[in-house]
């Protein structure tokens, strides 16, 4: 819903002392234009919404913004910003922030997006006389109307209510995506309200500041190092991969940011194929990405990737890497067995009881609760690269999908404990995960041993890992 300016309503509220009207007038936080941009409306002090002196040193407070890459930006690469309003005497908190080109502060620099319900995106016409609030809705993109060329990020009513009673300081978090091309310096303007929570115009402290961000060199196009692509290291780290496998890509300039995917990166149950403008292609198809950093990117091989010799590329706003050649097999199975589970020089598989206790010799790894498994108990083991699965409708669940349906591994699979075959009560993709296989294994009857060899066969072919587990009656 589009709203007209509420300044008159706010002034009436001040004059009449009608607190309920004042609350209604600021249901989404302040109107646009009160973040301190030159030639706009100043701060809330100037709007007569709060009485006092902006940045009064006697109040001993501040407003600040934490930028993940320091006061720089890479064109088109999203940043997660954190605003902190601090004041030793106050107990309720709000803010408004915007970004403008230093060459023309009337021009918006980039776009904003809420990452939780504590903030709202405010869209405005350039003259500030009509505007629209876009609250956070999980899974929904906040997009301002094309006619509203200005954007402001500010606290929501839910955020303000959640902040009440907090003393000392309060933070708000959201995303900012800089301009797609180098636009010169960008100025981020922010105004913070440290309120006393009495819902009047009196006794609140307003702080205002700005930050100048300079465009950073992207560091050149990405480069994949020789022998720099393996299937996930904790699952065997093989030099060849398979459709649906998770892989690790190592190199330089792979990203200018470091982060895992987040819920906001998904489209429904579909995993992202781009994080902060980092993309991976395998055999010409877009891979799914769950982690990026300057030296490592983790991706899932798309289901339709052809087998045989294929090429991998990583691309960023600075360009694309040279193609890296890798062999794609139909299957490339590996069980979860990280190096942290090497005990006495032996590699143990990661196996779990229902209560979260690990299957290991007791106290084998400091800080990890563990005990041996007993014959007849069910333990859970995880893997990657085991091939297609079929849901209850006999349909394949493709790579890049959060698993929500019951499913069954379509390839024959068996597991062996020291020569004794185990019963599998479940073999398929793990619910609520992407590309992670789960095996619920009933421990067979074997002699007491803290070094029971564990092996498996997939379609009759033996796995190549040398793994152990611990069994005791």
Protein backbone atom coordinates (compact mmCIF):
# COMPACT_ATOMS: atom_id res chain seq x y z
CA UNK A 1 0.00 0.00 0.00
CA UNK A 2 1.32 3.43 -0.93
CA UNK A 3 1.25 6.09 1.77
CA UNK A 4 1.36 9.87 1.60
CA UNK A 5 3.61 11.86 3.89
CA UNK A 6 2.62 11.64 7.56
CA UNK A 7 4.36 14.80 8.73
CA UNK A 8 1.10 16.66 9.32
CA UNK A 9 -0.29 13.76 11.33
CA UNK A 10 2.88 13.60 13.39
CA UNK A 11 2.76 17.35 14.08
CA UNK A 12 -0.87 17.10 15.19
CA UNK A 13 0.13 14.26 17.50
CA UNK A 14 2.81 16.45 19.08
CA UNK A 15 0.48 19.42 19.52
CA UNK A 16 -2.47 17.46 20.88
CA UNK A 17 -0.45 14.95 22.88
CA UNK A 18 -2.42 12.19 21.18
CA UNK A 19 -0.04 9.30 21.73
CA UNK A 20 -2.16 6.65 19.93
CA UNK A 21 -2.12 8.78 16.76
CA UNK A 22 1.65 9.20 17.01
CA UNK A 23 2.05 5.44 17.30
CA UNK A 24 -0.13 4.82 14.25
CA UNK A 25 1.75 7.42 12.26
CA UNK A 26 5.05 5.59 12.80
CA UNK A 27 3.88 2.01 12.48
CA UNK A 28 6.79 1.16 10.14
CA UNK A 29 9.39 3.49 11.63
CA UNK A 30 10.08 6.98 10.25
CA UNK A 31 8.95 8.34 6.90
CA UNK A 32 11.62 8.42 4.18
CA UNK A 33 14.11 11.25 4.27
CA UNK A 34 15.26 11.32 7.89
CA UNK A 35 18.67 9.63 7.62
CA UNK A 36 20.67 12.85 7.21
CA UNK A 37 21.04 13.02 3.42
CA UNK A 38 21.81 16.63 2.34
CA UNK A 39 18.74 18.52 1.05
CA UNK A 40 16.34 15.92 2.43
CA UNK A 41 14.45 16.19 5.74
CA UNK A 42 17.34 15.90 8.18
CA UNK A 43 16.74 13.75 11.25
CA UNK A 44 13.69 13.13 13.39
CA UNK A 45 14.65 16.12 15.56
CA UNK A 46 14.00 18.38 12.60
CA UNK A 47 10.68 16.66 11.97
CA UNK A 48 9.58 17.50 15.52
CA UNK A 49 9.07 13.82 16.21
CA UNK A 50 11.78 13.81 18.88
CA UNK A 51 13.01 16.78 20.85
CA UNK A 52 16.67 17.37 21.63
CA UNK A 53 20.04 17.89 20.02
CA UNK A 54 21.37 15.48 17.40
CA UNK A 55 24.68 13.91 18.43
CA UNK A 56 24.60 15.68 21.82
CA UNK A 57 27.91 14.64 23.43
CA UNK A 58 26.24 14.76 26.85
CA UNK A 59 24.18 11.71 25.89
CA UNK A 60 27.33 9.61 25.40
CA UNK A 61 25.82 7.51 22.61
CA UNK A 62 26.37 6.76 18.93
CA UNK A 63 25.12 5.05 15.81
CA UNK A 64 27.47 2.93 13.70
CA UNK A 65 27.45 0.51 10.77
CA UNK A 66 29.63 -2.60 10.46
CA UNK A 67 30.67 -3.32 6.88
CA UNK A 68 31.99 -6.87 6.23
CA UNK A 69 34.72 -5.69 3.86
CA UNK A 70 35.63 -2.49 5.66
CA UNK A 71 34.61 0.78 4.03
CA UNK A 72 34.86 -0.61 0.52
CA UNK A 73 32.47 -2.27 -1.90
CA UNK A 74 32.81 -4.56 -4.87
CA UNK A 75 30.28 -3.67 -7.58
CA UNK A 76 27.28 -5.97 -7.48
CA UNK A 77 28.51 -8.03 -4.51
CA UNK A 78 25.99 -8.13 -1.66
CA UNK A 79 27.06 -7.09 1.83
CA UNK A 80 25.38 -7.94 5.14
CA UNK A 81 25.29 -4.74 7.20
CA UNK A 82 24.84 -4.43 10.95
CA UNK A 83 23.63 -1.14 12.47
CA UNK A 84 24.32 -0.56 16.16
CA UNK A 85 22.64 2.18 18.19
CA UNK A 86 24.29 2.66 21.58
CA UNK A 87 23.37 4.82 24.57
CA UNK A 88 24.04 4.08 28.23
CA UNK A 89 20.69 5.45 29.47
CA UNK A 90 18.12 4.34 26.90
CA UNK A 91 15.95 1.25 26.46
CA UNK A 92 14.22 1.26 23.04
CA UNK A 93 15.82 1.60 19.62
CA UNK A 94 15.27 2.49 15.98
CA UNK A 95 17.13 3.67 12.88
CA UNK A 96 16.93 4.71 9.24
CA UNK A 97 19.69 4.22 6.65
CA UNK A 98 20.21 4.85 2.96
CA UNK A 99 23.09 4.80 0.45
CA UNK A 100 23.80 7.46 -2.19
CA UNK A 101 26.36 8.18 -4.86
CA UNK A 102 28.94 10.65 -3.56
CA UNK A 103 28.85 12.35 -6.96
CA UNK A 104 25.11 13.00 -6.60
CA UNK A 105 23.53 12.38 -3.21
CA UNK A 106 20.06 12.54 -4.74
CA UNK A 107 20.79 9.23 -6.51
CA UNK A 108 20.32 5.88 -4.78
CA UNK A 109 23.40 3.63 -4.66
CA UNK A 110 22.42 -0.04 -4.83
CA UNK A 111 19.43 -1.79 -3.27
CA UNK A 112 18.40 -3.02 0.18
CA UNK A 113 16.66 -6.14 1.48
CA UNK A 114 15.48 -7.20 4.93
CA UNK A 115 16.81 -10.47 6.28
CA UNK A 116 14.37 -10.74 9.19
CA UNK A 117 11.14 -9.19 10.47
CA UNK A 118 12.97 -6.55 12.51
CA UNK A 119 13.52 -4.27 9.51
CA UNK A 120 11.38 -2.82 6.74
CA UNK A 121 12.35 -1.60 3.27
CA UNK A 122 10.88 1.85 2.57
CA UNK A 123 10.47 2.84 -1.10
CA UNK A 124 9.92 6.49 -2.01
CA UNK A 125 9.42 8.86 -4.89
CA UNK A 126 12.36 11.20 -5.41
CA UNK A 127 10.36 14.13 -3.92
CA UNK A 128 9.55 12.05 -0.78
CA UNK A 129 5.83 12.86 -1.05
CA UNK A 130 4.63 9.31 -1.65
CA UNK A 131 6.16 6.09 -0.39
CA UNK A 132 5.53 2.42 0.28
CA UNK A 133 6.67 0.14 3.07
CA UNK A 134 7.71 -3.42 2.15
CA UNK A 135 7.86 -5.56 5.32
CA UNK A 136 9.95 -8.72 5.44
CA UNK A 137 8.16 -11.86 4.22
CA UNK A 138 10.16 -15.09 4.27
CA UNK A 139 10.87 -16.37 0.77
CA UNK A 140 9.54 -13.23 -0.91
CA UNK A 141 11.76 -10.71 -2.69
CA UNK A 142 11.34 -7.06 -1.69
CA UNK A 143 11.13 -5.06 -4.91
CA UNK A 144 10.33 -1.34 -4.98
CA UNK A 145 8.05 0.00 -7.73
CA UNK A 146 10.03 1.39 -10.66
CA UNK A 147 8.64 4.87 -10.05
CA UNK A 148 10.02 4.90 -6.49
CA UNK A 149 13.70 5.53 -7.08
CA UNK A 150 14.79 5.97 -3.46
CA UNK A 151 15.17 3.25 -0.84
CA UNK A 152 15.64 3.38 2.93
CA UNK A 153 16.16 0.57 5.40
CA UNK A 154 14.67 1.11 8.86
CA UNK A 155 13.34 -0.66 11.93
CA UNK A 156 9.92 -2.27 11.68
CA UNK A 157 7.28 -2.13 14.34
CA UNK A 158 8.18 -5.72 15.25
CA UNK A 159 11.84 -4.72 15.50
CA UNK A 160 11.10 -1.73 17.69
CA UNK A 161 8.86 -3.81 19.97
CA UNK A 162 11.55 -6.49 20.22
CA UNK A 163 14.12 -3.83 21.16
CA UNK A 164 12.15 -2.42 24.08
CA UNK A 165 13.78 -3.14 27.39
CA UNK A 166 17.24 -3.72 25.91
CA UNK A 167 19.72 -1.47 27.68
CA UNK A 168 23.04 -0.16 26.43
CA UNK A 169 22.67 -0.89 22.70
CA UNK A 170 20.70 -2.64 19.98
CA UNK A 171 21.60 -4.03 16.54
CA UNK A 172 19.65 -4.37 13.31
CA UNK A 173 20.83 -6.49 10.34
CA UNK A 174 19.98 -6.48 6.63
CA UNK A 175 21.55 -6.77 3.17
CA UNK A 176 22.81 -4.08 0.81
CA UNK A 177 23.76 -4.82 -2.79
CA UNK A 178 26.03 -2.08 -4.22
CA UNK A 179 25.62 -0.75 -7.76
CA UNK A 180 26.38 -3.38 -10.39
CA UNK A 181 29.21 -1.29 -11.87
CA UNK A 182 31.90 0.94 -10.41
CA UNK A 183 29.99 4.12 -9.51
CA UNK A 184 32.72 5.87 -7.59
CA UNK A 185 32.45 6.54 -3.88
CA UNK A 186 29.21 5.70 -2.09
CA UNK A 187 28.03 7.50 1.07
CA UNK A 188 25.95 5.56 3.58
CA UNK A 189 23.82 7.85 5.74
CA UNK A 190 22.33 6.56 8.98
CA UNK A 191 20.31 8.08 11.80
CA UNK A 192 19.69 6.19 15.04
CA UNK A 193 17.10 6.78 17.72
CA UNK A 194 17.97 5.75 21.28
CA UNK A 195 14.58 6.11 22.96
CA UNK A 196 13.52 5.98 26.56
CA UNK A 197 10.44 3.94 25.65
CA UNK A 198 7.79 6.24 27.11
CA UNK A 199 6.15 6.72 23.66
CA UNK A 200 6.41 10.51 23.79
CA UNK A 201 8.62 12.93 21.87
CA UNK A 202 10.59 13.76 25.01
CA UNK A 203 13.75 12.17 26.35
CA UNK A 204 14.88 10.37 23.17
CA UNK A 205 18.42 10.74 21.83
CA UNK A 206 19.09 11.04 18.09
CA UNK A 207 22.48 10.15 16.59
CA UNK A 208 23.47 10.75 13.00
CA UNK A 209 26.56 9.86 10.96
CA UNK A 210 27.74 8.80 7.51
CA UNK A 211 30.34 6.51 6.00
CA UNK A 212 32.12 6.82 2.65
CA UNK A 213 32.76 3.53 0.84
CA UNK A 214 35.25 3.34 -2.00
CA UNK A 215 35.07 0.80 -4.85
CA UNK A 216 37.50 -2.05 -4.28
CA UNK A 217 39.37 -3.86 -6.98
CA UNK A 218 37.88 -7.30 -7.42
CA UNK A 219 41.39 -8.78 -7.51
CA UNK A 220 41.20 -10.08 -11.05
CA UNK A 221 39.30 -13.06 -12.42
CA UNK A 222 39.14 -16.28 -10.40
CA UNK A 223 41.72 -18.99 -10.87
CA UNK A 224 41.35 -22.67 -9.98
CA UNK A 225 44.60 -24.18 -8.71
CA UNK A 226 46.05 -27.35 -10.27
CA UNK A 227 44.44 -30.41 -8.67
CA UNK A 228 42.10 -27.90 -7.04
CA UNK A 229 38.78 -29.72 -7.43
CA UNK A 230 37.81 -32.75 -5.30
CA UNK A 231 34.63 -34.31 -4.05
CA UNK A 232 33.92 -33.14 -0.49
CA UNK A 233 37.01 -33.86 1.58
CA UNK A 234 35.11 -35.15 4.61
CA UNK A 235 33.50 -37.80 2.35
CA UNK A 236 36.67 -39.15 0.77
CA UNK A 237 38.03 -36.24 -1.28
CA UNK A 238 38.11 -38.06 -4.63
CA UNK A 239 39.62 -36.55 -7.77
CA UNK A 240 36.53 -37.52 -9.82
CA UNK A 241 32.93 -36.54 -9.10
CA UNK A 242 29.38 -37.61 -9.93
CA UNK A 243 26.04 -35.91 -10.59
CA UNK A 244 24.62 -34.84 -7.23
CA UNK A 245 28.04 -34.95 -5.51
CA UNK A 246 29.27 -32.09 -3.38
CA UNK A 247 32.65 -30.79 -4.53
CA UNK A 248 35.27 -28.41 -3.17
CA UNK A 249 36.95 -25.95 -5.54
CA UNK A 250 40.22 -24.33 -4.44
CA UNK A 251 41.97 -21.35 -6.00
CA UNK A 252 42.41 -17.58 -5.81
CA UNK A 253 40.01 -14.67 -6.34
CA UNK A 254 37.09 -17.11 -6.17
CA UNK A 255 35.02 -14.57 -4.21
CA UNK A 256 35.39 -11.25 -2.44
CA UNK A 257 33.16 -12.38 0.43
CA UNK A 258 33.08 -15.37 2.75
CA UNK A 259 29.80 -16.98 3.77
CA UNK A 260 27.51 -19.99 3.69
CA UNK A 261 24.16 -19.93 1.97
CA UNK A 262 21.22 -18.68 4.03
CA UNK A 263 17.49 -19.23 3.90
CA UNK A 264 17.01 -16.03 1.91
CA UNK A 265 19.22 -17.45 -0.87
CA UNK A 266 16.76 -20.28 -1.58
CA UNK A 267 13.76 -20.12 -3.88
CA UNK A 268 11.30 -22.36 -2.09
CA UNK A 269 13.08 -25.71 -1.82
CA UNK A 270 15.52 -24.84 -4.62
CA UNK A 271 19.15 -24.16 -3.65
CA UNK A 272 20.94 -21.10 -5.08
CA UNK A 273 23.14 -21.24 -8.18
CA UNK A 274 24.76 -17.91 -7.26
CA UNK A 275 26.04 -16.44 -4.00
CA UNK A 276 27.17 -12.81 -4.05
CA UNK A 277 27.51 -13.09 -7.84
CA UNK A 278 29.79 -16.13 -7.62
CA UNK A 279 28.69 -18.86 -10.05
CA UNK A 280 29.99 -22.31 -10.97
CA UNK A 281 29.31 -24.26 -14.15
CA UNK A 282 30.04 -27.96 -14.62
CA UNK A 283 29.70 -29.39 -18.08
CA UNK A 284 28.02 -26.15 -19.10
CA UNK A 285 25.32 -26.44 -16.42
CA UNK A 286 24.85 -24.21 -13.37
CA UNK A 287 25.93 -25.85 -10.12
CA UNK A 288 24.37 -25.22 -6.72
CA UNK A 289 26.55 -23.26 -4.28
CA UNK A 290 26.50 -23.47 -0.49
CA UNK A 291 29.81 -21.77 0.46
CA UNK A 292 32.06 -19.09 -1.00
CA UNK A 293 35.36 -17.55 0.05
CA UNK A 294 38.38 -16.06 -1.76
CA UNK A 295 40.13 -19.45 -1.78
CA UNK A 296 37.36 -22.07 -1.64
CA UNK A 297 33.90 -22.60 -3.15
CA UNK A 298 31.68 -25.59 -2.37
CA UNK A 299 29.18 -26.65 -5.03
CA UNK A 300 26.84 -29.50 -5.90
CA UNK A 301 27.12 -31.12 -9.34
CA UNK A 302 23.80 -30.78 -11.25
CA UNK A 303 21.84 -33.98 -11.86
CA UNK A 304 22.00 -33.68 -15.64
CA UNK A 305 25.76 -33.34 -15.90
CA UNK A 306 27.10 -35.71 -18.59
CA UNK A 307 29.61 -38.33 -17.57
CA UNK A 308 33.17 -38.36 -18.89
CA UNK A 309 35.61 -35.46 -19.16
CA UNK A 310 33.86 -32.20 -18.31
CA UNK A 311 34.93 -28.62 -17.64
CA UNK A 312 34.40 -26.57 -14.47
CA UNK A 313 34.50 -22.77 -14.39
CA UNK A 314 34.04 -20.25 -11.60
CA UNK A 315 32.80 -16.77 -12.50
CA UNK A 316 32.60 -13.53 -10.52
CA UNK A 317 31.98 -9.89 -11.50
CA UNK A 318 35.71 -9.75 -12.34
CA UNK A 319 35.42 -12.46 -14.99
CA UNK A 320 35.54 -16.23 -15.41
CA UNK A 321 38.27 -18.72 -14.57
CA UNK A 322 40.02 -20.85 -17.12
CA UNK A 323 38.25 -24.17 -17.59
CA UNK A 324 39.31 -26.95 -15.22
CA UNK A 325 39.00 -30.50 -16.56
CA UNK A 326 37.49 -33.19 -14.34
CA UNK A 327 36.10 -36.68 -14.80
CA UNK A 328 32.41 -37.13 -14.01
CA UNK A 329 31.40 -40.70 -13.15
CA UNK A 330 27.89 -42.06 -12.83
CA UNK A 331 28.59 -42.75 -9.14
CA UNK A 332 31.31 -41.53 -6.80
CA UNK A 333 30.22 -42.68 -3.35
CA UNK A 334 31.83 -41.67 -0.08
CA UNK A 335 30.80 -41.97 3.56
CA UNK A 336 31.26 -39.15 6.06
CA UNK A 337 34.66 -39.69 7.69
CA UNK A 338 36.52 -36.41 8.37
CA UNK A 339 40.14 -36.27 9.47
CA UNK A 340 39.00 -35.33 12.98
CA UNK A 341 37.70 -38.91 13.28
CA UNK A 342 41.16 -40.46 12.85
CA UNK A 343 41.96 -42.23 16.14
CA UNK A 344 45.27 -44.00 16.62
CA UNK A 345 45.97 -43.70 12.92
CA UNK A 346 42.65 -45.39 11.98
CA UNK A 347 39.83 -43.59 10.13
CA UNK A 348 36.45 -44.03 11.82
CA UNK A 349 33.20 -43.44 9.98
CA UNK A 350 30.87 -40.84 11.50
CA UNK A 351 27.97 -42.83 12.96
CA UNK A 352 25.34 -41.53 15.34
CA UNK A 353 22.84 -42.90 17.80
CA UNK A 354 19.41 -41.31 18.01
CA UNK A 355 20.44 -39.25 21.06
CA UNK A 356 23.37 -37.64 19.20
CA UNK A 357 26.10 -39.80 20.78
CA UNK A 358 28.80 -40.92 18.34
CA UNK A 359 29.83 -44.51 17.68
CA UNK A 360 33.46 -44.58 18.79
CA UNK A 361 35.52 -46.10 21.55
CA UNK A 362 34.61 -44.19 24.75
CA UNK A 363 36.53 -40.92 25.13
CA UNK A 364 38.30 -41.55 21.83
CA UNK A 365 38.01 -37.90 20.79
CA UNK A 366 38.06 -35.22 23.54
CA UNK A 367 34.81 -33.31 23.80
CA UNK A 368 32.78 -35.76 21.67
CA UNK A 369 30.30 -37.99 23.56
CA UNK A 370 30.81 -41.54 22.36
CA UNK A 371 30.32 -45.22 23.05
CA UNK A 372 30.49 -48.50 21.15
CA UNK A 373 27.44 -49.76 19.29
CA UNK A 374 25.65 -52.91 20.38
CA UNK A 375 24.45 -55.57 17.93
CA UNK A 376 20.81 -54.88 17.10
CA UNK A 377 21.07 -51.12 17.64
CA UNK A 378 20.31 -48.74 14.79
CA UNK A 379 22.94 -46.15 13.92
CA UNK A 380 22.87 -43.42 11.27
CA UNK A 381 25.66 -42.97 8.71
CA UNK A 382 25.83 -40.24 6.04
CA UNK A 383 27.31 -40.07 2.54
CA UNK A 384 27.41 -38.33 -0.84
CA UNK A 385 27.59 -39.48 -4.45
CA UNK A 386 25.35 -42.56 -4.22
CA UNK A 387 23.26 -41.74 -7.27
CA UNK A 388 19.60 -41.29 -8.00
CA UNK A 389 16.79 -41.66 -5.49
CA UNK A 390 13.07 -42.07 -6.12
CA UNK A 391 10.31 -40.40 -4.13
CA UNK A 392 6.97 -41.95 -3.19
CA UNK A 393 5.68 -41.12 -6.67
CA UNK A 394 8.62 -42.98 -8.27
CA UNK A 395 10.11 -39.64 -9.42
CA UNK A 396 13.77 -38.71 -9.16
CA UNK A 397 14.67 -35.99 -6.64
CA UNK A 398 17.11 -33.74 -8.54
CA UNK A 399 20.23 -32.10 -7.15
CA UNK A 400 19.76 -28.71 -5.56
CA UNK A 401 16.51 -29.64 -3.82
CA UNK A 402 15.76 -29.59 -0.10
CA UNK A 403 14.42 -33.08 0.54
CA UNK A 404 10.83 -33.02 1.79
CA UNK A 405 9.52 -36.39 0.49
CA UNK A 406 10.24 -39.93 1.57
CA UNK A 407 12.60 -41.54 -0.91
CA UNK A 408 14.60 -44.65 -1.67
CA UNK A 409 18.05 -45.15 -3.17
CA UNK A 410 17.56 -46.60 -6.66
CA UNK A 411 20.94 -48.36 -6.77
CA UNK A 412 21.60 -51.60 -4.88
CA UNK A 413 23.46 -50.93 -1.63
CA UNK A 414 24.83 -53.14 1.12
CA UNK A 415 27.00 -52.60 4.21
CA UNK A 416 29.29 -54.99 6.00
CA UNK A 417 30.72 -54.99 9.56
CA UNK A 418 33.85 -57.13 9.76
CA UNK A 419 32.44 -59.76 7.41
CA UNK A 420 28.86 -59.64 8.72
CA UNK A 421 26.13 -58.10 6.58
CA UNK A 422 24.08 -55.31 8.15
CA UNK A 423 20.37 -54.70 7.72
CA UNK A 424 19.41 -51.28 6.33
CA UNK A 425 16.11 -49.84 7.60
CA UNK A 426 16.53 -46.74 5.42
CA UNK A 427 18.75 -45.75 2.50
CA UNK A 428 18.04 -42.53 0.63
CA UNK A 429 18.47 -38.76 0.85
CA UNK A 430 18.38 -37.22 4.32
CA UNK A 431 15.20 -35.22 5.05
CA UNK A 432 15.62 -31.42 5.19
CA UNK A 433 19.06 -31.53 3.53
CA UNK A 434 20.40 -31.04 0.01
CA UNK A 435 22.41 -33.86 -1.58
CA UNK A 436 23.14 -35.70 1.69
CA UNK A 437 22.46 -39.44 1.81
CA UNK A 438 21.36 -41.15 5.01
CA UNK A 439 21.71 -44.83 5.93
CA UNK A 440 19.95 -46.22 9.00
CA UNK A 441 21.98 -49.31 9.77
CA UNK A 442 21.11 -52.12 12.17
CA UNK A 443 24.41 -53.28 13.69
CA UNK A 444 24.97 -57.01 13.00
CA UNK A 445 26.22 -59.52 15.53
CA UNK A 446 30.01 -59.28 15.62
CA UNK A 447 32.64 -59.90 18.28
CA UNK A 448 33.55 -57.08 20.64
CA UNK A 449 36.05 -54.88 18.85
CA UNK A 450 36.96 -51.18 18.84
CA UNK A 451 38.32 -51.62 15.30
CA UNK A 452 35.55 -53.29 13.33
CA UNK A 453 36.21 -52.83 9.57
CA UNK A 454 33.22 -51.17 7.89
CA UNK A 455 32.70 -51.42 4.13
CA UNK A 456 29.92 -51.05 1.57
CA UNK A 457 29.01 -52.01 -1.98
CA UNK A 458 27.06 -49.87 -4.44
CA UNK A 459 25.71 -51.69 -7.49
CA UNK A 460 28.10 -54.50 -6.60
CA UNK A 461 31.21 -52.28 -6.58
CA UNK A 462 33.11 -51.88 -3.32
CA UNK A 463 33.68 -48.44 -1.84
CA UNK A 464 37.30 -47.31 -1.81
CA UNK A 465 37.48 -45.90 1.73
CA UNK A 466 39.16 -47.84 4.56
CA UNK A 467 36.91 -47.25 7.55
CA UNK A 468 36.28 -48.59 11.04
CA UNK A 469 33.65 -48.50 13.75
CA UNK A 470 33.38 -49.78 17.33
CA UNK A 471 31.06 -52.59 18.53
CA UNK A 472 30.64 -53.98 22.04
CA UNK A 473 27.87 -56.17 23.50
